[in-house]
Amino acid sequence: MATYSDLALNRFFLVIENEGEDISLVQPLMESSECILLQYHDISEATAWKKKSESLYELVDELDDEQLAAYEDLFGEDVTEWDEE
């Protein structure tokens, strides 16, 4: 079973955190020795700390650069903008 430690920083992942939940688009922003900070790109953008050892119900997919560009085009959102600061 996947855990939050499987998510690479500054990449974008489609995940199901718990059984019966919808798929979420998440981006790991930073990590400590035991935790990882995720940004959620859903209806309302939010951030949350998760323990790296916590299980994910399913790591569905990782978006490649082309898919991320298509997502940004669809929603008029530059999700990589913070990297440029």
PDB file of N, CA and C in Angstrom:
ATOM      1  N   MET A   1       0.844  -1.183   0.000  1.00  0.00           N
ATOM      2  CA  MET A   1       0.000   0.000   0.000  1.00  0.00           C
ATOM      3  C   MET A   1       0.892   1.250   0.000  1.00  0.00           C
ATOM      4  N   ALA A   2       0.497   2.255  -0.759  1.00  0.00           N
ATOM      5  CA  ALA A   2       1.259   3.495  -0.862  1.00  0.00           C
ATOM      6  C   ALA A   2       1.148   4.314   0.422  1.00  0.00           C
ATOM      7  N   THR A   3       2.191   5.105   0.672  1.00  0.00           N
ATOM      8  CA  THR A   3       2.176   6.033   1.796  1.00  0.00           C
ATOM      9  C   THR A   3       2.514   7.425   1.263  1.00  0.00           C
ATOM     10  N   TYR A   4       2.347   8.424   2.114  1.00  0.00           N
ATOM     11  CA  TYR A   4       2.663   9.786   1.705  1.00  0.00           C
ATOM     12  C   TYR A   4       4.141   9.957   1.376  1.00  0.00           C
ATOM     13  N   SER A   5       4.997   9.117   1.922  1.00  0.00           N
ATOM     14  CA  SER A   5       6.429   9.202   1.606  1.00  0.00           C
ATOM     15  C   SER A   5       6.724   8.825   0.152  1.00  0.00           C
ATOM     16  N   ASP A   6       5.772   8.196  -0.544  1.00  0.00           N
ATOM     17  CA  ASP A   6       5.941   7.843  -1.958  1.00  0.00           C
ATOM     18  C   ASP A   6       5.754   9.045  -2.888  1.00  0.00           C
ATOM     19  N   LEU A   7       5.271  10.167  -2.360  1.00  0.00           N
ATOM     20  CA  LEU A   7       4.998  11.344  -3.176  1.00  0.00           C
ATOM     21  C   LEU A   7       6.244  12.224  -3.251  1.00  0.00           C
ATOM     22  N   ALA A   8       6.714  12.484  -4.448  1.00  0.00           N
ATOM     23  CA  ALA A   8       7.909  13.306  -4.661  1.00  0.00           C
ATOM     24  C   ALA A   8       7.545  14.789  -4.586  1.00  0.00           C
ATOM     25  N   LEU A   9       8.452  15.568  -4.009  1.00  0.00           N
ATOM     26  CA  LEU A   9       8.224  17.008  -3.894  1.00  0.00           C
ATOM     27  C   LEU A   9       8.095  17.654  -5.263  1.00  0.00           C
ATOM     28  N   ASN A  10       7.220  18.661  -5.315  1.00  0.00           N
ATOM     29  CA  ASN A  10       7.017  19.502  -6.506  1.00  0.00           C
ATOM     30  C   ASN A  10       6.526  18.734  -7.726  1.00  0.00           C
ATOM     31  N   ARG A  11       5.912  17.610  -7.515  1.00  0.00           N
ATOM     32  CA  ARG A  11       5.250  16.857  -8.578  1.00  0.00           C
ATOM     33  C   ARG A  11       3.750  16.868  -8.268  1.00  0.00           C
ATOM     34  N   PHE A  12       2.933  16.392  -9.172  1.00  0.00           N
ATOM     35  CA  PHE A  12       1.488  16.421  -8.997  1.00  0.00           C
ATOM     36  C   PHE A  12       0.956  15.000  -9.102  1.00  0.00           C
ATOM     37  N   PHE A  13       0.116  14.627  -8.144  1.00  0.00           N
ATOM     38  CA  PHE A  13      -0.384  13.255  -8.047  1.00  0.00           C
ATOM     39  C   PHE A  13      -1.896  13.239  -7.912  1.00  0.00           C
ATOM     40  N   LEU A  14      -2.492  12.223  -8.511  1.00  0.00           N
ATOM     41  CA  LEU A  14      -3.905  11.925  -8.298  1.00  0.00           C
ATOM     42  C   LEU A  14      -3.959  10.813  -7.261  1.00  0.00           C
ATOM     43  N   VAL A  15      -4.631  11.085  -6.148  1.00  0.00           N
ATOM     44  CA  VAL A  15      -4.669  10.131  -5.044  1.00  0.00           C
ATOM     45  C   VAL A  15      -6.087   9.972  -4.514  1.00  0.00           C
ATOM     46  N   ILE A  16      -6.328   8.804  -3.941  1.00  0.00           N
ATOM     47  CA  ILE A  16      -7.523   8.570  -3.131  1.00  0.00           C
ATOM     48  C   ILE A  16      -6.989   8.318  -1.725  1.00  0.00           C
ATOM     49  N   GLU A  17      -7.305   9.232  -0.808  1.00  0.00           N
ATOM     50  CA  GLU A  17      -6.725   9.126   0.529  1.00  0.00           C
ATOM     51  C   GLU A  17      -7.393   8.052   1.376  1.00  0.00           C
ATOM     52  N   ASN A  18      -8.703   7.928   1.237  1.00  0.00           N
ATOM     53  CA  ASN A  18      -9.450   6.943   2.023  1.00  0.00           C
ATOM     54  C   ASN A  18     -10.484   6.257   1.142  1.00  0.00           C
ATOM     55  N   GLU A  19     -10.792   5.019   1.436  1.00  0.00           N
ATOM     56  CA  GLU A  19     -11.772   4.260   0.666  1.00  0.00           C
ATOM     57  C   GLU A  19     -13.085   5.021   0.574  1.00  0.00           C
ATOM     58  N   GLY A  20     -13.644   5.088  -0.635  1.00  0.00           N
ATOM     59  CA  GLY A  20     -14.927   5.742  -0.853  1.00  0.00           C
ATOM     60  C   GLY A  20     -14.832   7.228  -1.143  1.00  0.00           C
ATOM     61  N   GLU A  21     -13.633   7.811  -1.055  1.00  0.00           N
ATOM     62  CA  GLU A  21     -13.466   9.236  -1.335  1.00  0.00           C
ATOM     63  C   GLU A  21     -13.178   9.461  -2.813  1.00  0.00           C
ATOM     64  N   ASP A  22     -13.393  10.685  -3.255  1.00  0.00           N
ATOM     65  CA  ASP A  22     -13.084  11.070  -4.628  1.00  0.00           C
ATOM     66  C   ASP A  22     -11.573  11.181  -4.815  1.00  0.00           C
ATOM     67  N   ILE A  23     -11.163  11.181  -6.059  1.00  0.00           N
ATOM     68  CA  ILE A  23      -9.757  11.391  -6.413  1.00  0.00           C
ATOM     69  C   ILE A  23      -9.425  12.865  -6.202  1.00  0.00           C
ATOM     70  N   SER A  24      -8.269  13.134  -5.616  1.00  0.00           N
ATOM     71  CA  SER A  24      -7.790  14.502  -5.390  1.00  0.00           C
ATOM     72  C   SER A  24      -6.476  14.712  -6.116  1.00  0.00           C
ATOM     73  N   LEU A  25      -6.269  15.943  -6.591  1.00  0.00           N
ATOM     74  CA  LEU A  25      -4.984  16.340  -7.166  1.00  0.00           C
ATOM     75  C   LEU A  25      -4.191  17.008  -6.058  1.00  0.00           C
ATOM     76  N   VAL A  26      -3.033  16.439  -5.727  1.00  0.00           N
ATOM     77  CA  VAL A  26      -2.204  16.981  -4.654  1.00  0.00           C
ATOM     78  C   VAL A  26      -0.790  17.247  -5.162  1.00  0.00           C
ATOM     79  N   GLN A  27      -0.152  18.213  -4.505  1.00  0.00           N
ATOM     80  CA  GLN A  27       1.233  18.567  -4.810  1.00  0.00           C
ATOM     81  C   GLN A  27       1.999  18.657  -3.493  1.00  0.00           C
ATOM     82  N   PRO A  28       2.962  17.780  -3.261  1.00  0.00           N
ATOM     83  CA  PRO A  28       3.810  17.911  -2.074  1.00  0.00           C
ATOM     84  C   PRO A  28       4.718  19.139  -2.215  1.00  0.00           C
ATOM     85  N   LEU A  29       4.659  20.037  -1.221  1.00  0.00           N
ATOM     86  CA  LEU A  29       5.404  21.289  -1.278  1.00  0.00           C
ATOM     87  C   LEU A  29       6.711  21.253  -0.501  1.00  0.00           C
ATOM     88  N   MET A  30       6.694  20.606   0.655  1.00  0.00           N
ATOM     89  CA  MET A  30       7.902  20.527   1.480  1.00  0.00           C
ATOM     90  C   MET A  30       7.755  19.362   2.438  1.00  0.00           C
ATOM     91  N   GLU A  31       8.865  19.002   3.072  1.00  0.00           N
ATOM     92  CA  GLU A  31       8.809  17.889   4.008  1.00  0.00           C
ATOM     93  C   GLU A  31       9.732  18.142   5.195  1.00  0.00           C
ATOM     94  N   SER A  32       9.373  17.493   6.285  1.00  0.00           N
ATOM     95  CA  SER A  32      10.253  17.432   7.451  1.00  0.00           C
ATOM     96  C   SER A  32      10.719  15.987   7.550  1.00  0.00           C
ATOM     97  N   SER A  33      11.366  15.640   8.614  1.00  0.00           N
ATOM     98  CA  SER A  33      11.835  14.257   8.731  1.00  0.00           C
ATOM     99  C   SER A  33      10.678  13.266   8.828  1.00  0.00           C
ATOM    100  N   GLU A  34       9.544  13.680   9.373  1.00  0.00           N
ATOM    101  CA  GLU A  34       8.421  12.758   9.598  1.00  0.00           C
ATOM    102  C   GLU A  34       7.138  13.109   8.846  1.00  0.00           C
ATOM    103  N   CYS A  35       7.059  14.329   8.294  1.00  0.00           N
ATOM    104  CA  CYS A  35       5.807  14.799   7.689  1.00  0.00           C
ATOM    105  C   CYS A  35       6.041  15.396   6.311  1.00  0.00           C
ATOM    106  N   ILE A  36       4.937  15.574   5.583  1.00  0.00           N
ATOM    107  CA  ILE A  36       4.987  16.184   4.256  1.00  0.00           C
ATOM    108  C   ILE A  36       3.817  17.165   4.159  1.00  0.00           C
ATOM    109  N   LEU A  37       4.073  18.329   3.566  1.00  0.00           N
ATOM    110  CA  LEU A  37       3.046  19.352   3.384  1.00  0.00           C
ATOM    111  C   LEU A  37       2.468  19.210   1.985  1.00  0.00           C
ATOM    112  N   LEU A  38       1.155  18.991   1.916  1.00  0.00           N
ATOM    113  CA  LEU A  38       0.470  18.826   0.634  1.00  0.00           C
ATOM    114  C   LEU A  38      -0.379  20.047   0.324  1.00  0.00           C
ATOM    115  N   GLN A  39      -0.405  20.435  -0.938  1.00  0.00           N
ATOM    116  CA  GLN A  39      -1.360  21.418  -1.415  1.00  0.00           C
ATOM    117  C   GLN A  39      -2.387  20.666  -2.241  1.00  0.00           C
ATOM    118  N   TYR A  40      -3.652  20.892  -1.923  1.00  0.00           N
ATOM    119  CA  TYR A  40      -4.750  20.257  -2.642  1.00  0.00           C
ATOM    120  C   TYR A  40      -5.240  21.203  -3.726  1.00  0.00           C
ATOM    121  N   HIS A  41      -5.401  20.695  -4.931  1.00  0.00           N
ATOM    122  CA  HIS A  41      -5.912  21.473  -6.059  1.00  0.00           C
ATOM    123  C   HIS A  41      -7.299  20.939  -6.393  1.00  0.00           C
ATOM    124  N   ASP A  42      -8.251  21.278  -5.522  1.00  0.00           N
ATOM    125  CA  ASP A  42      -9.630  20.834  -5.675  1.00  0.00           C
ATOM    126  C   ASP A  42     -10.532  22.057  -5.750  1.00  0.00           C
ATOM    127  N   ILE A  43     -11.772  21.887  -5.332  1.00  0.00           N
ATOM    128  CA  ILE A  43     -12.736  22.987  -5.357  1.00  0.00           C
ATOM    129  C   ILE A  43     -12.194  24.191  -4.590  1.00  0.00           C
ATOM    130  N   SER A  44     -11.693  23.951  -3.395  1.00  0.00           N
ATOM    131  CA  SER A  44     -11.031  25.018  -2.642  1.00  0.00           C
ATOM    132  C   SER A  44      -9.611  24.549  -2.348  1.00  0.00           C
ATOM    133  N   GLU A  45      -8.659  25.379  -2.722  1.00  0.00           N
ATOM    134  CA  GLU A  45      -7.271  24.991  -2.500  1.00  0.00           C
ATOM    135  C   GLU A  45      -6.960  25.077  -1.020  1.00  0.00           C
ATOM    136  N   ALA A  46      -6.320  24.067  -0.521  1.00  0.00           N
ATOM    137  CA  ALA A  46      -5.968  24.003   0.891  1.00  0.00           C
ATOM    138  C   ALA A  46      -4.619  23.321   1.019  1.00  0.00           C
ATOM    139  N   THR A  47      -3.999  23.469   2.173  1.00  0.00           N
ATOM    140  CA  THR A  47      -2.770  22.746   2.475  1.00  0.00           C
ATOM    141  C   THR A  47      -2.975  21.970   3.759  1.00  0.00           C
ATOM    142  N   ALA A  48      -2.235  20.888   3.899  1.00  0.00           N
ATOM    143  CA  ALA A  48      -2.327  20.076   5.114  1.00  0.00           C
ATOM    144  C   ALA A  48      -1.048  19.281   5.283  1.00  0.00           C
ATOM    145  N   TRP A  49      -0.637  19.133   6.542  1.00  0.00           N
ATOM    146  CA  TRP A  49       0.497  18.270   6.871  1.00  0.00           C
ATOM    147  C   TRP A  49       0.001  16.848   7.052  1.00  0.00           C
ATOM    148  N   LYS A  50       0.743  15.888   6.520  1.00  0.00           N
ATOM    149  CA  LYS A  50       0.439  14.463   6.677  1.00  0.00           C
ATOM    150  C   LYS A  50       1.691  13.745   7.142  1.00  0.00           C
ATOM    151  N   LYS A  51       1.512  12.716   7.965  1.00  0.00           N
ATOM    152  CA  LYS A  51       2.651  11.895   8.359  1.00  0.00           C
ATOM    153  C   LYS A  51       3.086  11.069   7.158  1.00  0.00           C
ATOM    154  N   LYS A  52       4.386  11.027   6.902  1.00  0.00           N
ATOM    155  CA  LYS A  52       4.904  10.264   5.767  1.00  0.00           C
ATOM    156  C   LYS A  52       4.540   8.784   5.854  1.00  0.00           C
ATOM    157  N   SER A  53       4.432   8.266   7.064  1.00  0.00           N
ATOM    158  CA  SER A  53       4.147   6.843   7.251  1.00  0.00           C
ATOM    159  C   SER A  53       2.669   6.499   7.081  1.00  0.00           C
ATOM    160  N   GLU A  54       1.789   7.515   6.999  1.00  0.00           N
ATOM    161  CA  GLU A  54       0.354   7.282   6.830  1.00  0.00           C
ATOM    162  C   GLU A  54       0.073   6.662   5.463  1.00  0.00           C
ATOM    163  N   SER A  55      -0.855   5.725   5.430  1.00  0.00           N
ATOM    164  CA  SER A  55      -1.204   5.047   4.179  1.00  0.00           C
ATOM    165  C   SER A  55      -2.160   5.867   3.332  1.00  0.00           C
ATOM    166  N   LEU A  56      -1.980   5.765   2.033  1.00  0.00           N
ATOM    167  CA  LEU A  56      -2.941   6.262   1.053  1.00  0.00           C
ATOM    168  C   LEU A  56      -3.766   5.069   0.597  1.00  0.00           C
ATOM    169  N   TYR A  57      -5.052   5.269   0.402  1.00  0.00           N
ATOM    170  CA  TYR A  57      -5.862   4.169  -0.102  1.00  0.00           C
ATOM    171  C   TYR A  57      -5.370   3.772  -1.491  1.00  0.00           C
ATOM    172  N   GLU A  58      -5.098   4.792  -2.352  1.00  0.00           N
ATOM    173  CA  GLU A  58      -4.578   4.488  -3.691  1.00  0.00           C
ATOM    174  C   GLU A  58      -3.818   5.675  -4.258  1.00  0.00           C
ATOM    175  N   LEU A  59      -2.637   5.434  -4.751  1.00  0.00           N
ATOM    176  CA  LEU A  59      -1.881   6.405  -5.531  1.00  0.00           C
ATOM    177  C   LEU A  59      -2.248   6.103  -6.982  1.00  0.00           C
ATOM    178  N   VAL A  60      -3.158   6.904  -7.534  1.00  0.00           N
ATOM    179  CA  VAL A  60      -3.758   6.607  -8.834  1.00  0.00           C
ATOM    180  C   VAL A  60      -2.797   6.889  -9.979  1.00  0.00           C
ATOM    181  N   ASP A  61      -2.152   8.080  -9.956  1.00  0.00           N
ATOM    182  CA  ASP A  61      -1.318   8.473 -11.088  1.00  0.00           C
ATOM    183  C   ASP A  61      -0.458   9.672 -10.717  1.00  0.00           C
ATOM    184  N   GLU A  62       0.615   9.873 -11.472  1.00  0.00           N
ATOM    185  CA  GLU A  62       1.429  11.082 -11.377  1.00  0.00           C
ATOM    186  C   GLU A  62       1.284  11.824 -12.693  1.00  0.00           C
ATOM    187  N   LEU A  63       0.976  13.126 -12.624  1.00  0.00           N
ATOM    188  CA  LEU A  63       0.840  13.906 -13.842  1.00  0.00           C
ATOM    189  C   LEU A  63       2.216  14.234 -14.409  1.00  0.00           C
ATOM    190  N   ASP A  64       2.372  14.062 -15.719  1.00  0.00           N
ATOM    191  CA  ASP A  64       3.611  14.489 -16.361  1.00  0.00           C
ATOM    192  C   ASP A  64       3.462  15.965 -16.754  1.00  0.00           C
ATOM    193  N   ASP A  65       4.508  16.551 -17.291  1.00  0.00           N
ATOM    194  CA  ASP A  65       4.502  17.980 -17.612  1.00  0.00           C
ATOM    195  C   ASP A  65       3.431  18.337 -18.641  1.00  0.00           C
ATOM    196  N   GLU A  66       3.218  17.469 -19.609  1.00  0.00           N
ATOM    197  CA  GLU A  66       2.196  17.717 -20.640  1.00  0.00           C
ATOM    198  C   GLU A  66       0.790  17.701 -20.032  1.00  0.00           C
ATOM    199  N   GLN A  67       0.529  16.741 -19.164  1.00  0.00           N
ATOM    200  CA  GLN A  67      -0.777  16.667 -18.504  1.00  0.00           C
ATOM    201  C   GLN A  67      -0.995  17.863 -17.583  1.00  0.00           C
ATOM    202  N   LEU A  68       0.049  18.300 -16.899  1.00  0.00           N
ATOM    203  CA  LEU A  68      -0.053  19.462 -16.027  1.00  0.00           C
ATOM    204  C   LEU A  68      -0.362  20.719 -16.837  1.00  0.00           C
ATOM    205  N   ALA A  69       0.272  20.874 -17.985  1.00  0.00           N
ATOM    206  CA  ALA A  69      -0.003  22.020 -18.859  1.00  0.00           C
ATOM    207  C   ALA A  69      -1.453  21.988 -19.340  1.00  0.00           C
ATOM    208  N   ALA A  70      -1.969  20.812 -19.668  1.00  0.00           N
ATOM    209  CA  ALA A  70      -3.367  20.677 -20.093  1.00  0.00           C
ATOM    210  C   ALA A  70      -4.311  21.046 -18.951  1.00  0.00           C
ATOM    211  N   TYR A  71      -3.985  20.642 -17.726  1.00  0.00           N
ATOM    212  CA  TYR A  71      -4.789  20.993 -16.551  1.00  0.00           C
ATOM    213  C   TYR A  71      -4.819  22.515 -16.379  1.00  0.00           C
ATOM    214  N   GLU A  72      -3.662  23.153 -16.484  1.00  0.00           N
ATOM    215  CA  GLU A  72      -3.586  24.602 -16.343  1.00  0.00           C
ATOM    216  C   GLU A  72      -4.405  25.303 -17.430  1.00  0.00           C
ATOM    217  N   ASP A  73      -4.378  24.775 -18.654  1.00  0.00           N
ATOM    218  CA  ASP A  73      -5.162  25.353 -19.749  1.00  0.00           C
ATOM    219  C   ASP A  73      -6.657  25.223 -19.480  1.00  0.00           C
ATOM    220  N   LEU A  74      -7.075  24.079 -18.952  1.00  0.00           N
ATOM    221  CA  LEU A  74      -8.493  23.853 -18.673  1.00  0.00           C
ATOM    222  C   LEU A  74      -9.042  24.802 -17.621  1.00  0.00           C
ATOM    223  N   PHE A  75      -8.273  25.031 -16.580  1.00  0.00           N
ATOM    224  CA  PHE A  75      -8.781  25.774 -15.437  1.00  0.00           C
ATOM    225  C   PHE A  75      -8.186  27.170 -15.298  1.00  0.00           C
ATOM    226  N   GLY A  76      -7.349  27.582 -16.260  1.00  0.00           N
ATOM    227  CA  GLY A  76      -6.767  28.910 -16.211  1.00  0.00           C
ATOM    228  C   GLY A  76      -5.958  29.148 -14.953  1.00  0.00           C
ATOM    229  N   GLU A  77      -5.306  28.116 -14.482  1.00  0.00           N
ATOM    230  CA  GLU A  77      -4.590  28.159 -13.207  1.00  0.00           C
ATOM    231  C   GLU A  77      -3.135  27.794 -13.444  1.00  0.00           C
ATOM    232  N   ASP A  78      -2.224  28.638 -12.966  1.00  0.00           N
ATOM    233  CA  ASP A  78      -0.803  28.326 -13.065  1.00  0.00           C
ATOM    234  C   ASP A  78      -0.376  27.696 -11.751  1.00  0.00           C
ATOM    235  N   VAL A  79      -0.460  26.379 -11.667  1.00  0.00           N
ATOM    236  CA  VAL A  79      -0.175  25.681 -10.413  1.00  0.00           C
ATOM    237  C   VAL A  79       1.315  25.615 -10.114  1.00  0.00           C
ATOM    238  N   THR A  80       2.148  25.961 -11.080  1.00  0.00           N
ATOM    239  CA  THR A  80       3.594  25.931 -10.847  1.00  0.00           C
ATOM    240  C   THR A  80       4.147  27.319 -10.562  1.00  0.00           C
ATOM    241  N   GLU A  81       3.298  28.327 -10.493  1.00  0.00           N
ATOM    242  CA  GLU A  81       3.735  29.713 -10.334  1.00  0.00           C
ATOM    243  C   GLU A  81       4.607  29.925  -9.103  1.00  0.00           C
ATOM    244  N   TRP A  82       4.302  29.297  -7.998  1.00  0.00           N
ATOM    245  CA  TRP A  82       5.051  29.535  -6.750  1.00  0.00           C
ATOM    246  C   TRP A  82       6.518  29.127  -6.882  1.00  0.00           C
ATOM    247  N   ASP A  83       6.825  28.205  -7.815  1.00  0.00           N
ATOM    248  CA  ASP A  83       8.209  27.764  -8.005  1.00  0.00           C
ATOM    249  C   ASP A  83       9.113  28.877  -8.520  1.00  0.00           C
ATOM    250  N   GLU A  84       8.539  29.868  -9.189  1.00  0.00           N
ATOM    251  CA  GLU A  84       9.322  30.893  -9.847  1.00  0.00           C
ATOM    252  C   GLU A  84       9.726  32.013  -8.907  1.00  0.00           C
ATOM    253  N   GLU A  85       9.167  32.072  -7.722  1.00  0.00           N
ATOM    254  CA  GLU A  85       9.455  33.150  -6.770  1.00  0.00           C
ATOM    255  C   GLU A  85      10.777  32.948  -6.091  1.00  0.00           C
TER     256      GLU A  85
END
